[in-house]
């Protein structure tokens, strides 16, 4: 197993200081891209920013599709994702 992690040394923030994913050693490049996208979301980057940076994830799992649909349904109901960068 490998570890994909992010650690913030900023002491003044009240957000996650460490985010870590245990990932298989034999991940293909598409799986790695999905993990990077998930890490960016966990770090608090806006969905639109992540999509601009990484583009479409051509290799989506069923849970990725479900999560994407969930985010879109929240946007339709609340408009909370409108205008994010």
C-alpha atoms as a PDB file:
ATOM      1  CA  UNK A   1       0.000   0.000   0.000  1.00  0.00           C
ATOM      2  CA  UNK A   2       1.044   3.549  -0.730  1.00  0.00           C
ATOM      3  CA  UNK A   3      -0.139   6.727   0.964  1.00  0.00           C
ATOM      4  CA  UNK A   4      -1.344   9.852  -0.814  1.00  0.00           C
ATOM      5  CA  UNK A   5      -1.439  12.632   1.744  1.00  0.00           C
ATOM      6  CA  UNK A   6      -1.705  16.364   2.340  1.00  0.00           C
ATOM      7  CA  UNK A   7      -0.472  18.114   5.472  1.00  0.00           C
ATOM      8  CA  UNK A   8      -0.978  21.787   6.273  1.00  0.00           C
ATOM      9  CA  UNK A   9       1.430  23.534   8.586  1.00  0.00           C
ATOM     10  CA  UNK A  10      -0.875  26.538   8.936  1.00  0.00           C
ATOM     11  CA  UNK A  11      -1.824  26.695  12.615  1.00  0.00           C
ATOM     12  CA  UNK A  12      -4.522  29.365  12.296  1.00  0.00           C
ATOM     13  CA  UNK A  13      -6.969  27.459  10.102  1.00  0.00           C
ATOM     14  CA  UNK A  14      -9.868  25.513  11.539  1.00  0.00           C
ATOM     15  CA  UNK A  15      -9.985  22.964   8.752  1.00  0.00           C
ATOM     16  CA  UNK A  16      -8.397  19.589   8.208  1.00  0.00           C
ATOM     17  CA  UNK A  17      -4.681  19.745   8.799  1.00  0.00           C
ATOM     18  CA  UNK A  18      -3.951  16.278   7.476  1.00  0.00           C
ATOM     19  CA  UNK A  19      -5.733  14.249   4.823  1.00  0.00           C
ATOM     20  CA  UNK A  20      -4.472  10.819   3.906  1.00  0.00           C
ATOM     21  CA  UNK A  21      -5.560   8.069   1.515  1.00  0.00           C
ATOM     22  CA  UNK A  22      -4.177   4.529   1.580  1.00  0.00           C
ATOM     23  CA  UNK A  23      -3.969   3.522  -2.069  1.00  0.00           C
ATOM     24  CA  UNK A  24      -2.890   0.329  -3.812  1.00  0.00           C
ATOM     25  CA  UNK A  25       0.635   0.231  -5.224  1.00  0.00           C
ATOM     26  CA  UNK A  26      -0.612  -0.950  -8.605  1.00  0.00           C
ATOM     27  CA  UNK A  27      -3.012   1.913  -9.375  1.00  0.00           C
ATOM     28  CA  UNK A  28      -3.282   2.864 -13.018  1.00  0.00           C
ATOM     29  CA  UNK A  29      -3.030   6.502 -14.112  1.00  0.00           C
ATOM     30  CA  UNK A  30      -6.817   6.916 -14.287  1.00  0.00           C
ATOM     31  CA  UNK A  31      -7.254   5.685 -10.716  1.00  0.00           C
ATOM     32  CA  UNK A  32      -4.478   8.040  -9.575  1.00  0.00           C
ATOM     33  CA  UNK A  33      -6.239  10.964 -11.255  1.00  0.00           C
ATOM     34  CA  UNK A  34      -9.470  10.120  -9.428  1.00  0.00           C
ATOM     35  CA  UNK A  35      -7.609   9.974  -6.113  1.00  0.00           C
ATOM     36  CA  UNK A  36      -6.048  13.380  -6.815  1.00  0.00           C
ATOM     37  CA  UNK A  37      -9.491  14.782  -7.590  1.00  0.00           C
ATOM     38  CA  UNK A  38     -10.823  13.335  -4.328  1.00  0.00           C
ATOM     39  CA  UNK A  39      -7.884  14.811  -2.422  1.00  0.00           C
ATOM     40  CA  UNK A  40      -8.538  18.239  -3.961  1.00  0.00           C
ATOM     41  CA  UNK A  41     -12.193  18.031  -2.909  1.00  0.00           C
ATOM     42  CA  UNK A  42     -11.187  16.939   0.603  1.00  0.00           C
ATOM     43  CA  UNK A  43      -8.808  19.910   0.801  1.00  0.00           C
ATOM     44  CA  UNK A  44     -11.758  22.208   0.173  1.00  0.00           C
ATOM     45  CA  UNK A  45     -11.289  23.208  -3.437  1.00  0.00           C
ATOM     46  CA  UNK A  46     -14.538  24.147  -5.148  1.00  0.00           C
ATOM     47  CA  UNK A  47     -15.974  21.530  -7.520  1.00  0.00           C
ATOM     48  CA  UNK A  48     -15.722  23.874 -10.506  1.00  0.00           C
ATOM     49  CA  UNK A  49     -12.055  24.613  -9.753  1.00  0.00           C
ATOM     50  CA  UNK A  50     -11.259  20.915  -9.517  1.00  0.00           C
ATOM     51  CA  UNK A  51     -13.085  20.233 -12.783  1.00  0.00           C
ATOM     52  CA  UNK A  52     -11.147  23.033 -14.522  1.00  0.00           C
ATOM     53  CA  UNK A  53      -7.826  21.727 -13.210  1.00  0.00           C
ATOM     54  CA  UNK A  54      -8.347  18.022 -13.822  1.00  0.00           C
ATOM     55  CA  UNK A  55     -10.966  17.992 -16.562  1.00  0.00           C
ATOM     56  CA  UNK A  56     -13.469  15.212 -16.850  1.00  0.00           C
ATOM     57  CA  UNK A  57     -12.662  11.948 -15.162  1.00  0.00           C
ATOM     58  CA  UNK A  58     -13.127   9.465 -17.972  1.00  0.00           C
ATOM     59  CA  UNK A  59     -12.687   6.585 -15.574  1.00  0.00           C
ATOM     60  CA  UNK A  60     -15.522   7.062 -13.098  1.00  0.00           C
ATOM     61  CA  UNK A  61     -16.715   4.458 -10.656  1.00  0.00           C
ATOM     62  CA  UNK A  62     -20.379   4.110  -9.809  1.00  0.00           C
ATOM     63  CA  UNK A  63     -19.814   5.932  -6.501  1.00  0.00           C
ATOM     64  CA  UNK A  64     -18.088   8.795  -8.380  1.00  0.00           C
ATOM     65  CA  UNK A  65     -21.130   9.149 -10.624  1.00  0.00           C
ATOM     66  CA  UNK A  66     -23.477   9.033  -7.625  1.00  0.00           C
ATOM     67  CA  UNK A  67     -21.459  11.718  -5.832  1.00  0.00           C
ATOM     68  CA  UNK A  68     -21.444  13.915  -8.926  1.00  0.00           C
ATOM     69  CA  UNK A  69     -25.216  13.581  -9.265  1.00  0.00           C
ATOM     70  CA  UNK A  70     -25.588  14.392  -5.567  1.00  0.00           C
ATOM     71  CA  UNK A  71     -23.547  17.593  -5.951  1.00  0.00           C
ATOM     72  CA  UNK A  72     -25.617  18.625  -8.939  1.00  0.00           C
ATOM     73  CA  UNK A  73     -28.878  17.974  -7.056  1.00  0.00           C
ATOM     74  CA  UNK A  74     -27.661  20.195  -4.205  1.00  0.00           C
ATOM     75  CA  UNK A  75     -26.826  22.896  -6.717  1.00  0.00           C
ATOM     76  CA  UNK A  76     -30.300  22.683  -8.255  1.00  0.00           C
ATOM     77  CA  UNK A  77     -32.004  22.836  -4.846  1.00  0.00           C
ATOM     78  CA  UNK A  78     -29.852  25.500  -3.196  1.00  0.00           C
ATOM     79  CA  UNK A  79     -27.817  27.185  -5.914  1.00  0.00           C
ATOM     80  CA  UNK A  80     -24.847  26.829  -3.558  1.00  0.00           C
ATOM     81  CA  UNK A  81     -22.440  25.863  -6.315  1.00  0.00           C
ATOM     82  CA  UNK A  82     -23.415  28.734  -8.607  1.00  0.00           C
ATOM     83  CA  UNK A  83     -20.579  31.099  -9.389  1.00  0.00           C
ATOM     84  CA  UNK A  84     -17.844  29.032  -7.718  1.00  0.00           C
ATOM     85  CA  UNK A  85     -14.375  29.244  -9.187  1.00  0.00           C
END
